[in-house]
Amino acid sequence: MSFCHVTLTVKDMEASLRFYTETVRLPVVKRFQAGPDTEIAFLGAGETKVELICGKNCPEAIVGNGISIGFEVEDVPTKFQALKSGGIHVISDIIQPNPHARFFYIADPDGFRVQLMENR
């Protein structure tokens, strides 16, 4: 068995696509209409994808429950400063739980927590 995707129900597909392609730098793999009132997009560069679903009949974005999605970056302090000065909603300071890892959280357009992590 392999992990194929995580699904986020979003309010605004265009805002979410901008965030995940420009801020997180995920490429759009597939984008399509899934019926007259629902659109789906898959993003990612590896095996596991992020699936965004937006539609008139979809419930609004459900945020919380301690869930976040994480992406690896090369330099956490540099990325932290660039995003903060670029107007991205940074929701934590840099956290370093051990000498080999550090990370921080940002919020996507629907408030989902996105962790950006550096493993050294």
N, C-alpha and C. Protein backbone atom coordinates (compact mmCIF):
# COMPACT_ATOMS: atom_id res chain seq x y z
N MET A 1 0.84 -1.17 0.00
CA MET A 1 0.00 0.00 0.00
C MET A 1 0.89 1.24 0.00
N SER A 2 0.46 2.26 -0.71
CA SER A 2 1.22 3.51 -0.70
C SER A 2 0.26 4.68 -0.51
N PHE A 3 0.76 5.74 0.07
CA PHE A 3 -0.02 6.94 0.35
C PHE A 3 -0.11 7.75 -0.93
N CYS A 4 -1.33 8.03 -1.43
CA CYS A 4 -1.43 8.68 -2.74
C CYS A 4 -1.77 10.17 -2.67
N HIS A 5 -2.64 10.60 -1.73
CA HIS A 5 -2.95 12.03 -1.66
C HIS A 5 -3.61 12.40 -0.34
N VAL A 6 -3.59 13.70 -0.07
CA VAL A 6 -4.34 14.29 1.03
C VAL A 6 -5.31 15.28 0.39
N THR A 7 -6.57 15.29 0.85
CA THR A 7 -7.60 16.12 0.24
C THR A 7 -7.92 17.31 1.13
N LEU A 8 -7.96 18.50 0.52
CA LEU A 8 -8.39 19.71 1.20
C LEU A 8 -9.60 20.27 0.46
N THR A 9 -10.70 20.46 1.16
CA THR A 9 -11.87 21.10 0.57
C THR A 9 -11.68 22.60 0.76
N VAL A 10 -11.65 23.34 -0.34
CA VAL A 10 -11.30 24.76 -0.29
C VAL A 10 -12.46 25.63 -0.77
N LYS A 11 -12.47 26.87 -0.33
CA LYS A 11 -13.53 27.81 -0.71
C LYS A 11 -13.26 28.47 -2.06
N ASP A 12 -12.00 28.73 -2.36
CA ASP A 12 -11.64 29.48 -3.58
C ASP A 12 -10.50 28.75 -4.28
N MET A 13 -10.82 28.05 -5.35
CA MET A 13 -9.82 27.24 -6.06
C MET A 13 -8.65 28.10 -6.55
N GLU A 14 -8.93 29.27 -7.12
CA GLU A 14 -7.86 30.10 -7.67
C GLU A 14 -6.90 30.56 -6.57
N ALA A 15 -7.43 31.00 -5.44
CA ALA A 15 -6.57 31.44 -4.33
C ALA A 15 -5.73 30.28 -3.81
N SER A 16 -6.34 29.11 -3.68
CA SER A 16 -5.61 27.94 -3.20
C SER A 16 -4.55 27.50 -4.19
N LEU A 17 -4.87 27.51 -5.48
CA LEU A 17 -3.87 27.16 -6.49
C LEU A 17 -2.70 28.14 -6.48
N ARG A 18 -2.98 29.43 -6.35
CA ARG A 18 -1.89 30.41 -6.27
C ARG A 18 -0.99 30.12 -5.07
N PHE A 19 -1.60 29.85 -3.92
CA PHE A 19 -0.82 29.56 -2.70
C PHE A 19 0.06 28.33 -2.90
N TYR A 20 -0.53 27.23 -3.34
CA TYR A 20 0.24 25.99 -3.43
C TYR A 20 1.23 25.97 -4.59
N THR A 21 0.99 26.73 -5.65
CA THR A 21 1.96 26.77 -6.76
C THR A 21 3.02 27.82 -6.53
N GLU A 22 2.66 28.99 -6.00
CA GLU A 22 3.63 30.08 -5.83
C GLU A 22 4.36 30.03 -4.49
N THR A 23 3.65 29.77 -3.40
CA THR A 23 4.28 29.78 -2.08
C THR A 23 4.96 28.45 -1.77
N VAL A 24 4.23 27.36 -1.96
CA VAL A 24 4.77 26.03 -1.66
C VAL A 24 5.55 25.46 -2.83
N ARG A 25 5.28 25.96 -4.03
CA ARG A 25 5.97 25.58 -5.26
C ARG A 25 5.66 24.16 -5.74
N LEU A 26 4.40 23.77 -5.59
CA LEU A 26 3.97 22.49 -6.12
C LEU A 26 3.43 22.68 -7.53
N PRO A 27 3.80 21.81 -8.45
CA PRO A 27 3.23 21.90 -9.79
C PRO A 27 1.83 21.29 -9.83
N VAL A 28 0.98 21.83 -10.69
CA VAL A 28 -0.33 21.24 -10.92
C VAL A 28 -0.14 20.02 -11.83
N VAL A 29 -0.57 18.87 -11.35
CA VAL A 29 -0.44 17.63 -12.10
C VAL A 29 -1.68 17.40 -12.96
N LYS A 30 -2.84 17.70 -12.37
CA LYS A 30 -4.10 17.45 -13.07
C LYS A 30 -5.14 18.41 -12.50
N ARG A 31 -5.97 18.98 -13.37
CA ARG A 31 -7.06 19.87 -12.95
C ARG A 31 -8.25 19.59 -13.87
N PHE A 32 -9.43 19.37 -13.25
CA PHE A 32 -10.58 19.00 -14.07
C PHE A 32 -11.90 19.31 -13.37
N GLN A 33 -12.95 19.38 -14.16
CA GLN A 33 -14.31 19.53 -13.66
C GLN A 33 -14.79 18.13 -13.26
N ALA A 34 -15.35 18.02 -12.06
CA ALA A 34 -15.89 16.75 -11.59
C ALA A 34 -17.40 16.92 -11.42
N GLY A 35 -18.03 17.26 -12.50
CA GLY A 35 -19.46 17.58 -12.47
C GLY A 35 -19.64 19.06 -12.74
N PRO A 36 -20.88 19.50 -12.87
CA PRO A 36 -21.13 20.89 -13.26
C PRO A 36 -20.73 21.93 -12.20
N ASP A 37 -20.68 21.53 -10.93
CA ASP A 37 -20.43 22.50 -9.86
C ASP A 37 -19.20 22.20 -9.01
N THR A 38 -18.35 21.28 -9.45
CA THR A 38 -17.20 20.88 -8.64
C THR A 38 -15.95 20.81 -9.51
N GLU A 39 -14.86 21.37 -8.97
CA GLU A 39 -13.57 21.31 -9.65
C GLU A 39 -12.56 20.64 -8.73
N ILE A 40 -11.67 19.86 -9.31
CA ILE A 40 -10.63 19.16 -8.56
C ILE A 40 -9.28 19.46 -9.19
N ALA A 41 -8.26 19.64 -8.35
CA ALA A 41 -6.89 19.82 -8.83
C ALA A 41 -5.97 18.94 -7.97
N PHE A 42 -5.03 18.29 -8.62
CA PHE A 42 -3.99 17.52 -7.93
C PHE A 42 -2.67 18.24 -8.15
N LEU A 43 -1.91 18.41 -7.06
CA LEU A 43 -0.62 19.08 -7.13
C LEU A 43 0.44 18.20 -6.49
N GLY A 44 1.66 18.29 -6.97
CA GLY A 44 2.75 17.57 -6.34
C GLY A 44 3.82 17.17 -7.32
N ALA A 45 4.98 16.85 -6.78
CA ALA A 45 6.11 16.46 -7.62
C ALA A 45 6.54 15.03 -7.35
N GLY A 46 6.03 14.43 -6.29
CA GLY A 46 6.41 13.06 -5.95
C GLY A 46 5.22 12.14 -6.01
N GLU A 47 5.32 11.04 -5.30
CA GLU A 47 4.25 10.05 -5.29
C GLU A 47 2.98 10.59 -4.64
N THR A 48 3.12 11.24 -3.50
CA THR A 48 1.97 11.75 -2.76
C THR A 48 1.56 13.11 -3.30
N LYS A 49 0.27 13.31 -3.47
CA LYS A 49 -0.25 14.55 -4.04
C LYS A 49 -1.14 15.28 -3.04
N VAL A 50 -1.34 16.57 -3.27
CA VAL A 50 -2.33 17.37 -2.56
C VAL A 50 -3.51 17.51 -3.52
N GLU A 51 -4.69 17.12 -3.06
CA GLU A 51 -5.90 17.24 -3.87
C GLU A 51 -6.73 18.39 -3.32
N LEU A 52 -7.06 19.34 -4.17
CA LEU A 52 -7.93 20.44 -3.80
C LEU A 52 -9.28 20.21 -4.44
N ILE A 53 -10.35 20.31 -3.64
CA ILE A 53 -11.71 20.17 -4.16
C ILE A 53 -12.47 21.45 -3.83
N CYS A 54 -13.12 22.00 -4.84
CA CYS A 54 -13.90 23.21 -4.65
C CYS A 54 -15.20 23.06 -5.43
N GLY A 55 -16.31 23.29 -4.75
CA GLY A 55 -17.57 23.17 -5.46
C GLY A 55 -18.74 23.72 -4.68
N LYS A 56 -19.78 23.99 -5.40
CA LYS A 56 -20.98 24.55 -4.81
C LYS A 56 -21.58 23.61 -3.77
N ASN A 57 -21.49 22.31 -4.01
CA ASN A 57 -22.08 21.33 -3.09
C ASN A 57 -21.10 20.78 -2.06
N CYS A 58 -19.86 21.29 -2.06
CA CYS A 58 -18.87 20.84 -1.08
C CYS A 58 -19.04 21.66 0.19
N PRO A 59 -18.85 21.03 1.34
CA PRO A 59 -18.89 21.83 2.56
C PRO A 59 -17.73 22.82 2.57
N GLU A 60 -17.91 23.91 3.32
CA GLU A 60 -16.81 24.87 3.40
C GLU A 60 -15.58 24.20 4.00
N ALA A 61 -14.45 24.83 3.81
CA ALA A 61 -13.19 24.29 4.30
C ALA A 61 -13.31 23.94 5.79
N ILE A 62 -12.83 22.77 6.13
CA ILE A 62 -12.84 22.32 7.50
C ILE A 62 -11.41 22.41 8.02
N VAL A 63 -11.20 23.28 8.98
CA VAL A 63 -9.86 23.55 9.47
C VAL A 63 -9.75 23.10 10.92
N GLY A 64 -8.61 22.57 11.28
CA GLY A 64 -8.39 22.28 12.69
C GLY A 64 -8.00 20.85 12.93
N ASN A 65 -8.36 20.36 14.10
CA ASN A 65 -8.05 19.00 14.55
C ASN A 65 -6.56 18.72 14.62
N GLY A 66 -5.73 19.76 14.68
CA GLY A 66 -4.29 19.55 14.80
C GLY A 66 -3.64 19.02 13.54
N ILE A 67 -4.36 19.00 12.44
CA ILE A 67 -3.82 18.44 11.20
C ILE A 67 -3.06 19.52 10.44
N SER A 68 -1.93 19.14 9.89
CA SER A 68 -1.17 20.03 9.01
C SER A 68 -0.55 19.18 7.92
N ILE A 69 -0.15 19.83 6.84
CA ILE A 69 0.60 19.13 5.81
C ILE A 69 1.99 19.76 5.78
N GLY A 70 2.99 18.95 5.51
CA GLY A 70 4.36 19.44 5.60
C GLY A 70 5.13 19.30 4.31
N PHE A 71 6.02 20.27 4.10
CA PHE A 71 6.88 20.28 2.92
C PHE A 71 8.30 20.62 3.37
N GLU A 72 9.26 20.01 2.72
CA GLU A 72 10.66 20.25 3.06
C GLU A 72 11.21 21.44 2.27
N VAL A 73 11.96 22.28 2.96
CA VAL A 73 12.64 23.42 2.33
C VAL A 73 14.13 23.32 2.66
N GLU A 74 14.95 24.02 1.89
CA GLU A 74 16.40 23.93 2.11
C GLU A 74 16.89 24.78 3.27
N ASP A 75 16.29 25.96 3.48
CA ASP A 75 16.79 26.88 4.50
C ASP A 75 15.60 27.55 5.19
N VAL A 76 15.27 27.08 6.38
CA VAL A 76 14.10 27.57 7.11
C VAL A 76 14.18 29.07 7.42
N PRO A 77 15.29 29.60 7.98
CA PRO A 77 15.30 31.03 8.29
C PRO A 77 15.11 31.92 7.06
N THR A 78 15.73 31.55 5.95
CA THR A 78 15.59 32.33 4.72
C THR A 78 14.15 32.29 4.23
N LYS A 79 13.55 31.10 4.20
CA LYS A 79 12.17 30.94 3.75
C LYS A 79 11.21 31.68 4.68
N PHE A 80 11.46 31.60 5.98
CA PHE A 80 10.63 32.28 6.98
C PHE A 80 10.59 33.79 6.70
N GLN A 81 11.77 34.40 6.55
CA GLN A 81 11.84 35.84 6.31
C GLN A 81 11.19 36.22 4.97
N ALA A 82 11.44 35.44 3.93
CA ALA A 82 10.89 35.74 2.61
C ALA A 82 9.36 35.70 2.63
N LEU A 83 8.79 34.69 3.26
CA LEU A 83 7.33 34.58 3.30
C LEU A 83 6.71 35.65 4.18
N LYS A 84 7.34 35.90 5.32
CA LYS A 84 6.82 36.92 6.24
C LYS A 84 6.82 38.29 5.58
N SER A 85 7.91 38.63 4.91
CA SER A 85 7.98 39.94 4.25
C SER A 85 7.14 39.97 2.97
N GLY A 86 6.77 38.80 2.45
CA GLY A 86 5.95 38.72 1.25
C GLY A 86 4.45 38.71 1.53
N GLY A 87 4.07 38.86 2.79
CA GLY A 87 2.66 38.95 3.13
C GLY A 87 1.95 37.63 3.37
N ILE A 88 2.70 36.52 3.44
CA ILE A 88 2.08 35.23 3.74
C ILE A 88 1.78 35.17 5.23
N HIS A 89 0.65 34.58 5.60
CA HIS A 89 0.25 34.48 7.00
C HIS A 89 1.09 33.44 7.72
N VAL A 90 2.15 33.90 8.40
CA VAL A 90 3.03 33.02 9.18
C VAL A 90 2.39 32.87 10.55
N ILE A 91 2.15 31.62 10.99
CA ILE A 91 1.41 31.40 12.23
C ILE A 91 2.25 30.83 13.37
N SER A 92 3.56 30.72 13.17
CA SER A 92 4.42 30.29 14.28
C SER A 92 5.81 30.88 14.07
N ASP A 93 6.56 30.89 15.14
CA ASP A 93 7.99 31.19 15.03
C ASP A 93 8.68 29.93 14.54
N ILE A 94 9.97 30.03 14.31
CA ILE A 94 10.76 28.84 13.94
C ILE A 94 10.90 27.97 15.19
N ILE A 95 10.63 26.69 15.02
CA ILE A 95 10.70 25.71 16.11
C ILE A 95 11.81 24.74 15.77
N GLN A 96 12.69 24.47 16.73
CA GLN A 96 13.78 23.51 16.51
C GLN A 96 13.72 22.46 17.61
N PRO A 97 13.01 21.33 17.37
CA PRO A 97 12.84 20.33 18.41
C PRO A 97 14.09 19.51 18.70
N ASN A 98 15.05 19.50 17.76
CA ASN A 98 16.31 18.80 17.96
C ASN A 98 17.36 19.46 17.06
N PRO A 99 18.62 19.10 17.20
CA PRO A 99 19.66 19.76 16.41
C PRO A 99 19.57 19.53 14.89
N HIS A 100 18.77 18.57 14.47
CA HIS A 100 18.73 18.19 13.06
C HIS A 100 17.51 18.65 12.30
N ALA A 101 16.54 19.23 12.99
CA ALA A 101 15.30 19.64 12.31
C ALA A 101 14.80 20.97 12.87
N ARG A 102 14.27 21.79 11.97
CA ARG A 102 13.60 23.01 12.38
C ARG A 102 12.49 23.30 11.37
N PHE A 103 11.45 23.99 11.85
CA PHE A 103 10.29 24.23 10.99
C PHE A 103 9.49 25.41 11.51
N PHE A 104 8.52 25.83 10.69
CA PHE A 104 7.53 26.83 11.08
C PHE A 104 6.26 26.56 10.31
N TYR A 105 5.19 27.21 10.74
CA TYR A 105 3.89 27.01 10.10
C TYR A 105 3.41 28.29 9.43
N ILE A 106 2.76 28.10 8.28
CA ILE A 106 2.05 29.18 7.60
C ILE A 106 0.61 28.70 7.41
N ALA A 107 -0.27 29.62 7.04
CA ALA A 107 -1.66 29.25 6.79
C ALA A 107 -1.96 29.41 5.31
N ASP A 108 -2.69 28.44 4.76
CA ASP A 108 -3.12 28.58 3.37
C ASP A 108 -4.36 29.48 3.33
N PRO A 109 -4.92 29.76 2.16
CA PRO A 109 -6.06 30.69 2.09
C PRO A 109 -7.29 30.27 2.89
N ASP A 110 -7.42 28.97 3.19
CA ASP A 110 -8.54 28.50 3.98
C ASP A 110 -8.19 28.29 5.44
N GLY A 111 -6.96 28.62 5.84
CA GLY A 111 -6.54 28.49 7.22
C GLY A 111 -5.91 27.15 7.57
N PHE A 112 -5.73 26.25 6.59
CA PHE A 112 -5.05 24.99 6.88
C PHE A 112 -3.60 25.27 7.24
N ARG A 113 -3.09 24.55 8.25
CA ARG A 113 -1.70 24.73 8.66
C ARG A 113 -0.78 23.99 7.70
N VAL A 114 0.23 24.70 7.23
CA VAL A 114 1.24 24.13 6.32
C VAL A 114 2.59 24.28 7.02
N GLN A 115 3.26 23.14 7.24
CA GLN A 115 4.55 23.14 7.90
C GLN A 115 5.65 23.16 6.86
N LEU A 116 6.60 24.07 7.03
CA LEU A 116 7.79 24.11 6.16
C LEU A 116 8.97 23.71 7.03
N MET A 117 9.64 22.63 6.65
CA MET A 117 10.63 21.98 7.52
C MET A 117 11.97 21.80 6.82
N GLU A 118 13.00 21.94 7.61
CA GLU A 118 14.38 21.70 7.16
C GLU A 118 14.95 20.55 7.96
N ASN A 119 15.42 19.52 7.28
CA ASN A 119 16.09 18.39 7.93
C ASN A 119 17.57 18.48 7.59
N ARG A 120 18.42 18.52 8.61
CA ARG A 120 19.86 18.61 8.37
C ARG A 120 20.55 17.36 8.81
